mmCIF file of all heavy atoms, coordinates in Angstrom:
data_MODEL
# 
_entry.id   MODEL 
# 
loop_
_atom_site.group_PDB 
_atom_site.id 
_atom_site.type_symbol 
_atom_site.label_atom_id 
_atom_site.label_alt_id 
_atom_site.label_comp_id 
_atom_site.label_asym_id 
_atom_site.label_entity_id 
_atom_site.label_seq_id 
_atom_site.pdbx_PDB_ins_code 
_atom_site.Cartn_x 
_atom_site.Cartn_y 
_atom_site.Cartn_z 
_atom_site.occupancy 
_atom_site.B_iso_or_equiv 
_atom_site.pdbx_formal_charge 
_atom_site.auth_seq_id 
_atom_site.auth_comp_id 
_atom_site.auth_asym_id 
_atom_site.auth_atom_id 
_atom_site.pdbx_PDB_model_num 
ATOM 1   N N   . LEU A 1 1  ? 206.318 146.256 -111.121 1.00 0.00 ? 1  LEU A N   1 
ATOM 2   C CA  . LEU A 1 1  ? 207.764 146.326 -110.922 1.00 0.00 ? 1  LEU A CA  1 
ATOM 3   C C   . LEU A 1 1  ? 208.500 145.846 -112.168 1.00 0.00 ? 1  LEU A C   1 
ATOM 4   O O   . LEU A 1 1  ? 209.517 146.435 -112.560 1.00 0.00 ? 1  LEU A O   1 
ATOM 5   C CB  . LEU A 1 1  ? 208.176 145.494 -109.710 1.00 0.00 ? 1  LEU A CB  1 
ATOM 6   C CG  . LEU A 1 1  ? 209.682 145.469 -109.400 1.00 0.00 ? 1  LEU A CG  1 
ATOM 7   C CD1 . LEU A 1 1  ? 210.238 146.875 -109.207 1.00 0.00 ? 1  LEU A CD1 1 
ATOM 8   C CD2 . LEU A 1 1  ? 209.958 144.616 -108.154 1.00 0.00 ? 1  LEU A CD2 1 
ATOM 9   N N   . SER A 1 2  ? 208.003 144.798 -112.811 1.00 0.00 ? 2  SER A N   1 
ATOM 10  C CA  . SER A 1 2  ? 208.630 144.302 -114.035 1.00 0.00 ? 2  SER A CA  1 
ATOM 11  C C   . SER A 1 2  ? 208.645 145.374 -115.109 1.00 0.00 ? 2  SER A C   1 
ATOM 12  O O   . SER A 1 2  ? 209.660 145.567 -115.800 1.00 0.00 ? 2  SER A O   1 
ATOM 13  C CB  . SER A 1 2  ? 207.902 143.057 -114.542 1.00 0.00 ? 2  SER A CB  1 
ATOM 14  O OG  . SER A 1 2  ? 207.995 141.992 -113.624 1.00 0.00 ? 2  SER A OG  1 
ATOM 15  N N   . LEU A 1 3  ? 207.542 146.097 -115.264 1.00 0.00 ? 3  LEU A N   1 
ATOM 16  C CA  . LEU A 1 3  ? 207.479 147.176 -116.240 1.00 0.00 ? 3  LEU A CA  1 
ATOM 17  C C   . LEU A 1 3  ? 208.468 148.282 -115.916 1.00 0.00 ? 3  LEU A C   1 
ATOM 18  O O   . LEU A 1 3  ? 209.140 148.826 -116.815 1.00 0.00 ? 3  LEU A O   1 
ATOM 19  C CB  . LEU A 1 3  ? 206.058 147.740 -116.302 1.00 0.00 ? 3  LEU A CB  1 
ATOM 20  C CG  . LEU A 1 3  ? 205.001 146.842 -116.934 1.00 0.00 ? 3  LEU A CG  1 
ATOM 21  C CD1 . LEU A 1 3  ? 203.602 147.440 -116.728 1.00 0.00 ? 3  LEU A CD1 1 
ATOM 22  C CD2 . LEU A 1 3  ? 205.267 146.624 -118.414 1.00 0.00 ? 3  LEU A CD2 1 
ATOM 23  N N   . GLU A 1 4  ? 208.590 148.616 -114.646 1.00 0.00 ? 4  GLU A N   1 
ATOM 24  C CA  . GLU A 1 4  ? 209.532 149.664 -114.244 1.00 0.00 ? 4  GLU A CA  1 
ATOM 25  C C   . GLU A 1 4  ? 210.978 149.233 -114.488 1.00 0.00 ? 4  GLU A C   1 
ATOM 26  O O   . GLU A 1 4  ? 211.818 150.045 -114.895 1.00 0.00 ? 4  GLU A O   1 
ATOM 27  C CB  . GLU A 1 4  ? 209.311 150.018 -112.769 1.00 0.00 ? 4  GLU A CB  1 
ATOM 28  C CG  . GLU A 1 4  ? 207.988 150.740 -112.521 1.00 0.00 ? 4  GLU A CG  1 
ATOM 29  C CD  . GLU A 1 4  ? 207.703 150.952 -111.040 1.00 0.00 ? 4  GLU A CD  1 
ATOM 30  O OE1 . GLU A 1 4  ? 208.355 150.284 -110.205 1.00 0.00 ? 4  GLU A OE1 1 
ATOM 31  O OE2 . GLU A 1 4  ? 206.829 151.770 -110.719 1.00 0.00 ? 4  GLU A OE2 1 
ATOM 32  N N   . ILE A 1 5  ? 211.257 147.955 -114.263 1.00 0.00 ? 5  ILE A N   1 
ATOM 33  C CA  . ILE A 1 5  ? 212.605 147.432 -114.505 1.00 0.00 ? 5  ILE A CA  1 
ATOM 34  C C   . ILE A 1 5  ? 212.929 147.470 -115.994 1.00 0.00 ? 5  ILE A C   1 
ATOM 35  O O   . ILE A 1 5  ? 214.023 147.903 -116.401 1.00 0.00 ? 5  ILE A O   1 
ATOM 36  C CB  . ILE A 1 5  ? 212.725 145.993 -113.962 1.00 0.00 ? 5  ILE A CB  1 
ATOM 37  C CG1 . ILE A 1 5  ? 212.777 146.024 -112.432 1.00 0.00 ? 5  ILE A CG1 1 
ATOM 38  C CG2 . ILE A 1 5  ? 213.973 145.300 -114.513 1.00 0.00 ? 5  ILE A CG2 1 
ATOM 39  C CD1 . ILE A 1 5  ? 212.715 144.641 -111.783 1.00 0.00 ? 5  ILE A CD1 1 
ATOM 40  N N   . ILE A 1 6  ? 211.997 147.020 -116.826 1.00 0.00 ? 6  ILE A N   1 
ATOM 41  C CA  . ILE A 1 6  ? 212.226 147.029 -118.272 1.00 0.00 ? 6  ILE A CA  1 
ATOM 42  C C   . ILE A 1 6  ? 212.455 148.457 -118.762 1.00 0.00 ? 6  ILE A C   1 
ATOM 43  O O   . ILE A 1 6  ? 213.362 148.724 -119.564 1.00 0.00 ? 6  ILE A O   1 
ATOM 44  C CB  . ILE A 1 6  ? 211.034 146.388 -119.007 1.00 0.00 ? 6  ILE A CB  1 
ATOM 45  C CG1 . ILE A 1 6  ? 210.914 144.911 -118.646 1.00 0.00 ? 6  ILE A CG1 1 
ATOM 46  C CG2 . ILE A 1 6  ? 211.187 146.545 -120.524 1.00 0.00 ? 6  ILE A CG2 1 
ATOM 47  C CD1 . ILE A 1 6  ? 209.635 144.257 -119.142 1.00 0.00 ? 6  ILE A CD1 1 
ATOM 48  N N   . LYS A 1 7  ? 211.632 149.388 -118.290 1.00 0.00 ? 7  LYS A N   1 
ATOM 49  C CA  . LYS A 1 7  ? 211.757 150.780 -118.694 1.00 0.00 ? 7  LYS A CA  1 
ATOM 50  C C   . LYS A 1 7  ? 213.122 151.349 -118.304 1.00 0.00 ? 7  LYS A C   1 
ATOM 51  O O   . LYS A 1 7  ? 213.790 152.025 -119.102 1.00 0.00 ? 7  LYS A O   1 
ATOM 52  C CB  . LYS A 1 7  ? 210.642 151.611 -118.067 1.00 0.00 ? 7  LYS A CB  1 
ATOM 53  C CG  . LYS A 1 7  ? 210.588 153.055 -118.544 1.00 0.00 ? 7  LYS A CG  1 
ATOM 54  C CD  . LYS A 1 7  ? 209.548 153.862 -117.781 1.00 0.00 ? 7  LYS A CD  1 
ATOM 55  C CE  . LYS A 1 7  ? 208.148 153.310 -117.987 1.00 0.00 ? 7  LYS A CE  1 
ATOM 56  N NZ  . LYS A 1 7  ? 207.124 154.163 -117.299 1.00 0.00 ? 7  LYS A NZ  1 
ATOM 57  N N   . LYS A 1 8  ? 213.553 151.050 -117.100 1.00 0.00 ? 8  LYS A N   1 
ATOM 58  C CA  . LYS A 1 8  ? 214.843 151.564 -116.622 1.00 0.00 ? 8  LYS A CA  1 
ATOM 59  C C   . LYS A 1 8  ? 216.003 150.982 -117.432 1.00 0.00 ? 8  LYS A C   1 
ATOM 60  O O   . LYS A 1 8  ? 216.937 151.697 -117.811 1.00 0.00 ? 8  LYS A O   1 
ATOM 61  C CB  . LYS A 1 8  ? 215.030 151.249 -115.138 1.00 0.00 ? 8  LYS A CB  1 
ATOM 62  C CG  . LYS A 1 8  ? 216.281 151.858 -114.511 1.00 0.00 ? 8  LYS A CG  1 
ATOM 63  C CD  . LYS A 1 8  ? 216.362 151.571 -113.030 1.00 0.00 ? 8  LYS A CD  1 
ATOM 64  C CE  . LYS A 1 8  ? 215.334 152.350 -112.253 1.00 0.00 ? 8  LYS A CE  1 
ATOM 65  N NZ  . LYS A 1 8  ? 215.686 153.811 -112.187 1.00 0.00 ? 8  LYS A NZ  1 
ATOM 66  N N   . LEU A 1 9  ? 215.959 149.697 -117.713 1.00 0.00 ? 9  LEU A N   1 
ATOM 67  C CA  . LEU A 1 9  ? 217.007 149.076 -118.515 1.00 0.00 ? 9  LEU A CA  1 
ATOM 68  C C   . LEU A 1 9  ? 217.025 149.640 -119.928 1.00 0.00 ? 9  LEU A C   1 
ATOM 69  O O   . LEU A 1 9  ? 218.090 149.956 -120.476 1.00 0.00 ? 9  LEU A O   1 
ATOM 70  C CB  . LEU A 1 9  ? 216.801 147.554 -118.555 1.00 0.00 ? 9  LEU A CB  1 
ATOM 71  C CG  . LEU A 1 9  ? 217.072 146.809 -117.240 1.00 0.00 ? 9  LEU A CG  1 
ATOM 72  C CD1 . LEU A 1 9  ? 216.531 145.387 -117.321 1.00 0.00 ? 9  LEU A CD1 1 
ATOM 73  C CD2 . LEU A 1 9  ? 218.570 146.791 -116.917 1.00 0.00 ? 9  LEU A CD2 1 
ATOM 74  N N   . ASN A 1 10 ? 215.851 149.784 -120.519 1.00 0.00 ? 10 ASN A N   1 
ATOM 75  C CA  . ASN A 1 10 ? 215.764 150.327 -121.875 1.00 0.00 ? 10 ASN A CA  1 
ATOM 76  C C   . ASN A 1 10 ? 216.287 151.756 -121.951 1.00 0.00 ? 10 ASN A C   1 
ATOM 77  O O   . ASN A 1 10 ? 216.969 152.134 -122.922 1.00 0.00 ? 10 ASN A O   1 
ATOM 78  C CB  . ASN A 1 10 ? 214.332 150.275 -122.379 1.00 0.00 ? 10 ASN A CB  1 
ATOM 79  C CG  . ASN A 1 10 ? 213.862 148.890 -122.789 1.00 0.00 ? 10 ASN A CG  1 
ATOM 80  O OD1 . ASN A 1 10 ? 212.674 148.660 -123.034 1.00 0.00 ? 10 ASN A OD1 1 
ATOM 81  N ND2 . ASN A 1 10 ? 214.770 147.937 -122.872 1.00 0.00 ? 10 ASN A ND2 1 
ATOM 82  N N   . LYS A 1 11 ? 215.973 152.562 -120.952 1.00 0.00 ? 11 LYS A N   1 
ATOM 83  C CA  . LYS A 1 11 ? 216.451 153.950 -120.952 1.00 0.00 ? 11 LYS A CA  1 
ATOM 84  C C   . LYS A 1 11 ? 217.965 154.029 -120.828 1.00 0.00 ? 11 LYS A C   1 
ATOM 85  O O   . LYS A 1 11 ? 218.569 155.057 -121.191 1.00 0.00 ? 11 LYS A O   1 
ATOM 86  C CB  . LYS A 1 11 ? 215.772 154.735 -119.827 1.00 0.00 ? 11 LYS A CB  1 
ATOM 87  C CG  . LYS A 1 11 ? 214.323 155.076 -120.129 1.00 0.00 ? 11 LYS A CG  1 
ATOM 88  C CD  . LYS A 1 11 ? 213.711 155.965 -119.073 1.00 0.00 ? 11 LYS A CD  1 
ATOM 89  C CE  . LYS A 1 11 ? 212.290 156.363 -119.479 1.00 0.00 ? 11 LYS A CE  1 
ATOM 90  N NZ  . LYS A 1 11 ? 211.640 157.246 -118.470 1.00 0.00 ? 11 LYS A NZ  1 
ATOM 91  N N   . ASN A 1 12 ? 218.565 152.953 -120.343 1.00 0.00 ? 12 ASN A N   1 
ATOM 92  C CA  . ASN A 1 12 ? 220.022 152.878 -120.262 1.00 0.00 ? 12 ASN A CA  1 
ATOM 93  C C   . ASN A 1 12 ? 220.622 152.133 -121.449 1.00 0.00 ? 12 ASN A C   1 
ATOM 94  O O   . ASN A 1 12 ? 221.787 151.737 -121.423 1.00 0.00 ? 12 ASN A O   1 
ATOM 95  C CB  . ASN A 1 12 ? 220.440 152.209 -118.955 1.00 0.00 ? 12 ASN A CB  1 
ATOM 96  C CG  . ASN A 1 12 ? 220.382 153.142 -117.764 1.00 0.00 ? 12 ASN A CG  1 
ATOM 97  O OD1 . ASN A 1 12 ? 221.319 153.893 -117.498 1.00 0.00 ? 12 ASN A OD1 1 
ATOM 98  N ND2 . ASN A 1 12 ? 219.257 153.137 -117.065 1.00 0.00 ? 12 ASN A ND2 1 
ATOM 99  N N   . GLY A 1 13 ? 219.815 151.947 -122.483 1.00 0.00 ? 13 GLY A N   1 
ATOM 100 C CA  . GLY A 1 13 ? 220.298 151.326 -123.705 1.00 0.00 ? 13 GLY A CA  1 
ATOM 101 C C   . GLY A 1 13 ? 220.477 149.825 -123.625 1.00 0.00 ? 13 GLY A C   1 
ATOM 102 O O   . GLY A 1 13 ? 221.206 149.241 -124.432 1.00 0.00 ? 13 GLY A O   1 
ATOM 103 N N   . ILE A 1 14 ? 219.807 149.177 -122.673 1.00 0.00 ? 14 ILE A N   1 
ATOM 104 C CA  . ILE A 1 14 ? 219.953 147.733 -122.480 1.00 0.00 ? 14 ILE A CA  1 
ATOM 105 C C   . ILE A 1 14 ? 218.692 147.025 -122.964 1.00 0.00 ? 14 ILE A C   1 
ATOM 106 O O   . ILE A 1 14 ? 217.581 147.323 -122.510 1.00 0.00 ? 14 ILE A O   1 
ATOM 107 C CB  . ILE A 1 14 ? 220.207 147.399 -120.993 1.00 0.00 ? 14 ILE A CB  1 
ATOM 108 C CG1 . ILE A 1 14 ? 221.496 148.069 -120.517 1.00 0.00 ? 14 ILE A CG1 1 
ATOM 109 C CG2 . ILE A 1 14 ? 220.269 145.886 -120.789 1.00 0.00 ? 14 ILE A CG2 1 
ATOM 110 C CD1 . ILE A 1 14 ? 221.729 147.952 -119.020 1.00 0.00 ? 14 ILE A CD1 1 
ATOM 111 N N   . LYS A 1 15 ? 218.890 146.076 -123.858 1.00 0.00 ? 15 LYS A N   1 
ATOM 112 C CA  . LYS A 1 15 ? 217.782 145.276 -124.378 1.00 0.00 ? 15 LYS A CA  1 
ATOM 113 C C   . LYS A 1 15 ? 217.293 144.298 -123.312 1.00 0.00 ? 15 LYS A C   1 
ATOM 114 O O   . LYS A 1 15 ? 218.072 143.798 -122.495 1.00 0.00 ? 15 LYS A O   1 
ATOM 115 C CB  . LYS A 1 15 ? 218.250 144.509 -125.615 1.00 0.00 ? 15 LYS A CB  1 
ATOM 116 C CG  . LYS A 1 15 ? 217.290 143.480 -126.149 1.00 0.00 ? 15 LYS A CG  1 
ATOM 117 C CD  . LYS A 1 15 ? 217.900 142.749 -127.331 1.00 0.00 ? 15 LYS A CD  1 
ATOM 118 C CE  . LYS A 1 15 ? 217.066 141.553 -127.739 1.00 0.00 ? 15 LYS A CE  1 
ATOM 119 N NZ  . LYS A 1 15 ? 217.602 140.871 -128.926 1.00 0.00 ? 15 LYS A NZ  1 
ATOM 120 N N   . VAL A 1 16 ? 215.995 143.978 -123.356 1.00 0.00 ? 16 VAL A N   1 
ATOM 121 C CA  . VAL A 1 16 ? 215.374 143.057 -122.398 1.00 0.00 ? 16 VAL A CA  1 
ATOM 122 C C   . VAL A 1 16 ? 214.664 141.937 -123.147 1.00 0.00 ? 16 VAL A C   1 
ATOM 123 O O   . VAL A 1 16 ? 214.003 142.169 -124.166 1.00 0.00 ? 16 VAL A O   1 
ATOM 124 C CB  . VAL A 1 16 ? 214.372 143.795 -121.492 1.00 0.00 ? 16 VAL A CB  1 
ATOM 125 C CG1 . VAL A 1 16 ? 213.635 142.816 -120.576 1.00 0.00 ? 16 VAL A CG1 1 
ATOM 126 C CG2 . VAL A 1 16 ? 215.087 144.861 -120.664 1.00 0.00 ? 16 VAL A CG2 1 
ATOM 127 N N   . THR A 1 17 ? 214.799 140.712 -122.643 1.00 0.00 ? 17 THR A N   1 
ATOM 128 C CA  . THR A 1 17 ? 213.971 139.599 -123.104 1.00 0.00 ? 17 THR A CA  1 
ATOM 129 C C   . THR A 1 17 ? 213.150 139.123 -121.908 1.00 0.00 ? 17 THR A C   1 
ATOM 130 O O   . THR A 1 17 ? 213.608 139.198 -120.761 1.00 0.00 ? 17 THR A O   1 
ATOM 131 C CB  . THR A 1 17 ? 214.815 138.433 -123.656 1.00 0.00 ? 17 THR A CB  1 
ATOM 132 O OG1 . THR A 1 17 ? 215.539 137.800 -122.584 1.00 0.00 ? 17 THR A OG1 1 
ATOM 133 C CG2 . THR A 1 17 ? 215.793 138.924 -124.709 1.00 0.00 ? 17 THR A CG2 1 
ATOM 134 N N   . THR A 1 18 ? 211.942 138.658 -122.179 1.00 0.00 ? 18 THR A N   1 
ATOM 135 C CA  . THR A 1 18 ? 211.066 138.193 -121.097 1.00 0.00 ? 18 THR A CA  1 
ATOM 136 C C   . THR A 1 18 ? 210.439 136.857 -121.469 1.00 0.00 ? 18 THR A C   1 
ATOM 137 O O   . THR A 1 18 ? 210.324 136.515 -122.646 1.00 0.00 ? 18 THR A O   1 
ATOM 138 C CB  . THR A 1 18 ? 209.940 139.198 -120.806 1.00 0.00 ? 18 THR A CB  1 
ATOM 139 O OG1 . THR A 1 18 ? 209.100 139.310 -121.961 1.00 0.00 ? 18 THR A OG1 1 
ATOM 140 C CG2 . THR A 1 18 ? 210.494 140.572 -120.448 1.00 0.00 ? 18 THR A CG2 1 
ATOM 141 N N   . LEU A 1 19 ? 210.028 136.128 -120.441 1.00 0.00 ? 19 LEU A N   1 
ATOM 142 C CA  . LEU A 1 19 ? 209.330 134.860 -120.636 1.00 0.00 ? 19 LEU A CA  1 
ATOM 143 C C   . LEU A 1 19 ? 208.283 134.721 -119.540 1.00 0.00 ? 19 LEU A C   1 
ATOM 144 O O   . LEU A 1 19 ? 208.596 134.907 -118.358 1.00 0.00 ? 19 LEU A O   1 
ATOM 145 C CB  . LEU A 1 19 ? 210.310 133.685 -120.569 1.00 0.00 ? 19 LEU A CB  1 
ATOM 146 C CG  . LEU A 1 19 ? 209.719 132.299 -120.857 1.00 0.00 ? 19 LEU A CG  1 
ATOM 147 C CD1 . LEU A 1 19 ? 209.210 132.215 -122.291 1.00 0.00 ? 19 LEU A CD1 1 
ATOM 148 C CD2 . LEU A 1 19 ? 210.760 131.212 -120.608 1.00 0.00 ? 19 LEU A CD2 1 
ATOM 149 N N   . THR A 1 20 ? 207.058 134.387 -119.922 1.00 0.00 ? 20 THR A N   1 
ATOM 150 C CA  . THR A 1 20 ? 205.988 134.326 -118.933 1.00 0.00 ? 20 THR A CA  1 
ATOM 151 C C   . THR A 1 20 ? 204.975 133.234 -119.259 1.00 0.00 ? 20 THR A C   1 
ATOM 152 O O   . THR A 1 20 ? 204.853 132.798 -120.409 1.00 0.00 ? 20 THR A O   1 
ATOM 153 C CB  . THR A 1 20 ? 205.256 135.685 -118.849 1.00 0.00 ? 20 THR A CB  1 
ATOM 154 O OG1 . THR A 1 20 ? 204.294 135.650 -117.774 1.00 0.00 ? 20 THR A OG1 1 
ATOM 155 C CG2 . THR A 1 20 ? 204.520 136.016 -120.132 1.00 0.00 ? 20 THR A CG2 1 
ATOM 156 N N   . LYS A 1 21 ? 204.258 132.806 -118.231 1.00 0.00 ? 21 LYS A N   1 
ATOM 157 C CA  . LYS A 1 21 ? 203.056 131.984 -118.377 1.00 0.00 ? 21 LYS A CA  1 
ATOM 158 C C   . LYS A 1 21 ? 201.838 132.806 -117.980 1.00 0.00 ? 21 LYS A C   1 
ATOM 159 O O   . LYS A 1 21 ? 200.755 132.273 -117.773 1.00 0.00 ? 21 LYS A O   1 
ATOM 160 C CB  . LYS A 1 21 ? 203.160 130.724 -117.522 1.00 0.00 ? 21 LYS A CB  1 
ATOM 161 C CG  . LYS A 1 21 ? 204.263 129.771 -117.993 1.00 0.00 ? 21 LYS A CG  1 
ATOM 162 C CD  . LYS A 1 21 ? 204.384 128.576 -117.077 1.00 0.00 ? 21 LYS A CD  1 
ATOM 163 C CE  . LYS A 1 21 ? 205.559 127.703 -117.512 1.00 0.00 ? 21 LYS A CE  1 
ATOM 164 N NZ  . LYS A 1 21 ? 205.800 126.581 -116.583 1.00 0.00 ? 21 LYS A NZ  1 
ATOM 165 N N   . GLY A 1 22 ? 202.065 134.106 -117.862 1.00 0.00 ? 22 GLY A N   1 
ATOM 166 C CA  . GLY A 1 22 ? 200.981 135.032 -117.573 1.00 0.00 ? 22 GLY A CA  1 
ATOM 167 C C   . GLY A 1 22 ? 200.560 135.762 -118.837 1.00 0.00 ? 22 GLY A C   1 
ATOM 168 O O   . GLY A 1 22 ? 200.692 135.236 -119.937 1.00 0.00 ? 22 GLY A O   1 
ATOM 169 N N   . LEU A 1 23 ? 200.080 136.994 -118.661 1.00 0.00 ? 23 LEU A N   1 
ATOM 170 C CA  . LEU A 1 23 ? 199.602 137.799 -119.785 1.00 0.00 ? 23 LEU A CA  1 
ATOM 171 C C   . LEU A 1 23 ? 200.375 139.108 -119.844 1.00 0.00 ? 23 LEU A C   1 
ATOM 172 O O   . LEU A 1 23 ? 200.691 139.695 -118.807 1.00 0.00 ? 23 LEU A O   1 
ATOM 173 C CB  . LEU A 1 23 ? 198.106 138.085 -119.633 1.00 0.00 ? 23 LEU A CB  1 
ATOM 174 C CG  . LEU A 1 23 ? 197.203 136.856 -119.494 1.00 0.00 ? 23 LEU A CG  1 
ATOM 175 C CD1 . LEU A 1 23 ? 195.749 137.298 -119.255 1.00 0.00 ? 23 LEU A CD1 1 
ATOM 176 C CD2 . LEU A 1 23 ? 197.292 135.957 -120.716 1.00 0.00 ? 23 LEU A CD2 1 
ATOM 177 N N   . TYR A 1 24 ? 200.648 139.565 -121.052 1.00 0.00 ? 24 TYR A N   1 
ATOM 178 C CA  . TYR A 1 24 ? 201.411 140.796 -121.206 1.00 0.00 ? 24 TYR A CA  1 
ATOM 179 C C   . TYR A 1 24 ? 200.504 142.023 -121.103 1.00 0.00 ? 24 TYR A C   1 
ATOM 180 O O   . TYR A 1 24 ? 199.437 142.076 -121.724 1.00 0.00 ? 24 TYR A O   1 
ATOM 181 C CB  . TYR A 1 24 ? 202.128 140.799 -122.550 1.00 0.00 ? 24 TYR A CB  1 
ATOM 182 C CG  . TYR A 1 24 ? 203.391 139.975 -122.527 1.00 0.00 ? 24 TYR A CG  1 
ATOM 183 C CD1 . TYR A 1 24 ? 203.458 138.754 -123.184 1.00 0.00 ? 24 TYR A CD1 1 
ATOM 184 C CD2 . TYR A 1 24 ? 204.509 140.412 -121.818 1.00 0.00 ? 24 TYR A CD2 1 
ATOM 185 C CE1 . TYR A 1 24 ? 204.619 137.989 -123.152 1.00 0.00 ? 24 TYR A CE1 1 
ATOM 186 C CE2 . TYR A 1 24 ? 205.671 139.649 -121.784 1.00 0.00 ? 24 TYR A CE2 1 
ATOM 187 C CZ  . TYR A 1 24 ? 205.723 138.445 -122.446 1.00 0.00 ? 24 TYR A CZ  1 
ATOM 188 O OH  . TYR A 1 24 ? 206.871 137.685 -122.397 1.00 0.00 ? 24 TYR A OH  1 
ATOM 189 N N   . PRO A 1 25 ? 200.927 143.028 -120.330 1.00 0.00 ? 25 PRO A N   1 
ATOM 190 C CA  . PRO A 1 25 ? 200.123 144.252 -120.170 1.00 0.00 ? 25 PRO A CA  1 
ATOM 191 C C   . PRO A 1 25 ? 200.239 145.163 -121.390 1.00 0.00 ? 25 PRO A C   1 
ATOM 192 O O   . PRO A 1 25 ? 201.238 145.172 -122.105 1.00 0.00 ? 25 PRO A O   1 
ATOM 193 C CB  . PRO A 1 25 ? 200.757 144.910 -118.934 1.00 0.00 ? 25 PRO A CB  1 
ATOM 194 C CG  . PRO A 1 25 ? 202.174 144.428 -118.942 1.00 0.00 ? 25 PRO A CG  1 
ATOM 195 C CD  . PRO A 1 25 ? 202.130 143.030 -119.488 1.00 0.00 ? 25 PRO A CD  1 
ATOM 196 N N   . ASP A 1 26 ? 199.214 145.962 -121.618 1.00 0.00 ? 26 ASP A N   1 
ATOM 197 C CA  . ASP A 1 26 ? 199.175 146.872 -122.769 1.00 0.00 ? 26 ASP A CA  1 
ATOM 198 C C   . ASP A 1 26 ? 200.260 147.940 -122.708 1.00 0.00 ? 26 ASP A C   1 
ATOM 199 O O   . ASP A 1 26 ? 200.613 148.523 -123.741 1.00 0.00 ? 26 ASP A O   1 
ATOM 200 C CB  . ASP A 1 26 ? 197.803 147.539 -122.855 1.00 0.00 ? 26 ASP A CB  1 
ATOM 201 C CG  . ASP A 1 26 ? 196.719 146.568 -123.302 1.00 0.00 ? 26 ASP A CG  1 
ATOM 202 O OD1 . ASP A 1 26 ? 197.060 145.520 -123.892 1.00 0.00 ? 26 ASP A OD1 1 
ATOM 203 O OD2 . ASP A 1 26 ? 195.533 146.851 -123.059 1.00 0.00 ? 26 ASP A OD2 1 
ATOM 204 N N   . GLU A 1 27 ? 200.787 148.205 -121.526 1.00 0.00 ? 27 GLU A N   1 
ATOM 205 C CA  . GLU A 1 27 ? 201.824 149.231 -121.399 1.00 0.00 ? 27 GLU A CA  1 
ATOM 206 C C   . GLU A 1 27 ? 203.018 148.962 -122.315 1.00 0.00 ? 27 GLU A C   1 
ATOM 207 O O   . GLU A 1 27 ? 203.686 149.887 -122.776 1.00 0.00 ? 27 GLU A O   1 
ATOM 208 C CB  . GLU A 1 27 ? 202.314 149.312 -119.946 1.00 0.00 ? 27 GLU A CB  1 
ATOM 209 C CG  . GLU A 1 27 ? 201.368 150.016 -119.004 1.00 0.00 ? 27 GLU A CG  1 
ATOM 210 C CD  . GLU A 1 27 ? 200.335 149.076 -118.395 1.00 0.00 ? 27 GLU A CD  1 
ATOM 211 O OE1 . GLU A 1 27 ? 200.093 148.000 -118.979 1.00 0.00 ? 27 GLU A OE1 1 
ATOM 212 O OE2 . GLU A 1 27 ? 199.766 149.425 -117.344 1.00 0.00 ? 27 GLU A OE2 1 
ATOM 213 N N   . LEU A 1 28 ? 203.289 147.693 -122.597 1.00 0.00 ? 28 LEU A N   1 
ATOM 214 C CA  . LEU A 1 28 ? 204.435 147.349 -123.428 1.00 0.00 ? 28 LEU A CA  1 
ATOM 215 C C   . LEU A 1 28 ? 204.266 147.785 -124.880 1.00 0.00 ? 28 LEU A C   1 
ATOM 216 O O   . LEU A 1 28 ? 205.235 147.796 -125.652 1.00 0.00 ? 28 LEU A O   1 
ATOM 217 C CB  . LEU A 1 28 ? 204.696 145.842 -123.365 1.00 0.00 ? 28 LEU A CB  1 
ATOM 218 C CG  . LEU A 1 28 ? 205.197 145.317 -122.017 1.00 0.00 ? 28 LEU A CG  1 
ATOM 219 C CD1 . LEU A 1 28 ? 205.218 143.796 -122.007 1.00 0.00 ? 28 LEU A CD1 1 
ATOM 220 C CD2 . LEU A 1 28 ? 206.583 145.875 -121.701 1.00 0.00 ? 28 LEU A CD2 1 
# 
């Protein structure tokens, strides 16, 4: 869901910042 949200925001010209204690997926 996080990836889908980032993709949707980016497609609308909106920059995204993220912060995690997990691991980033290769999709990014």
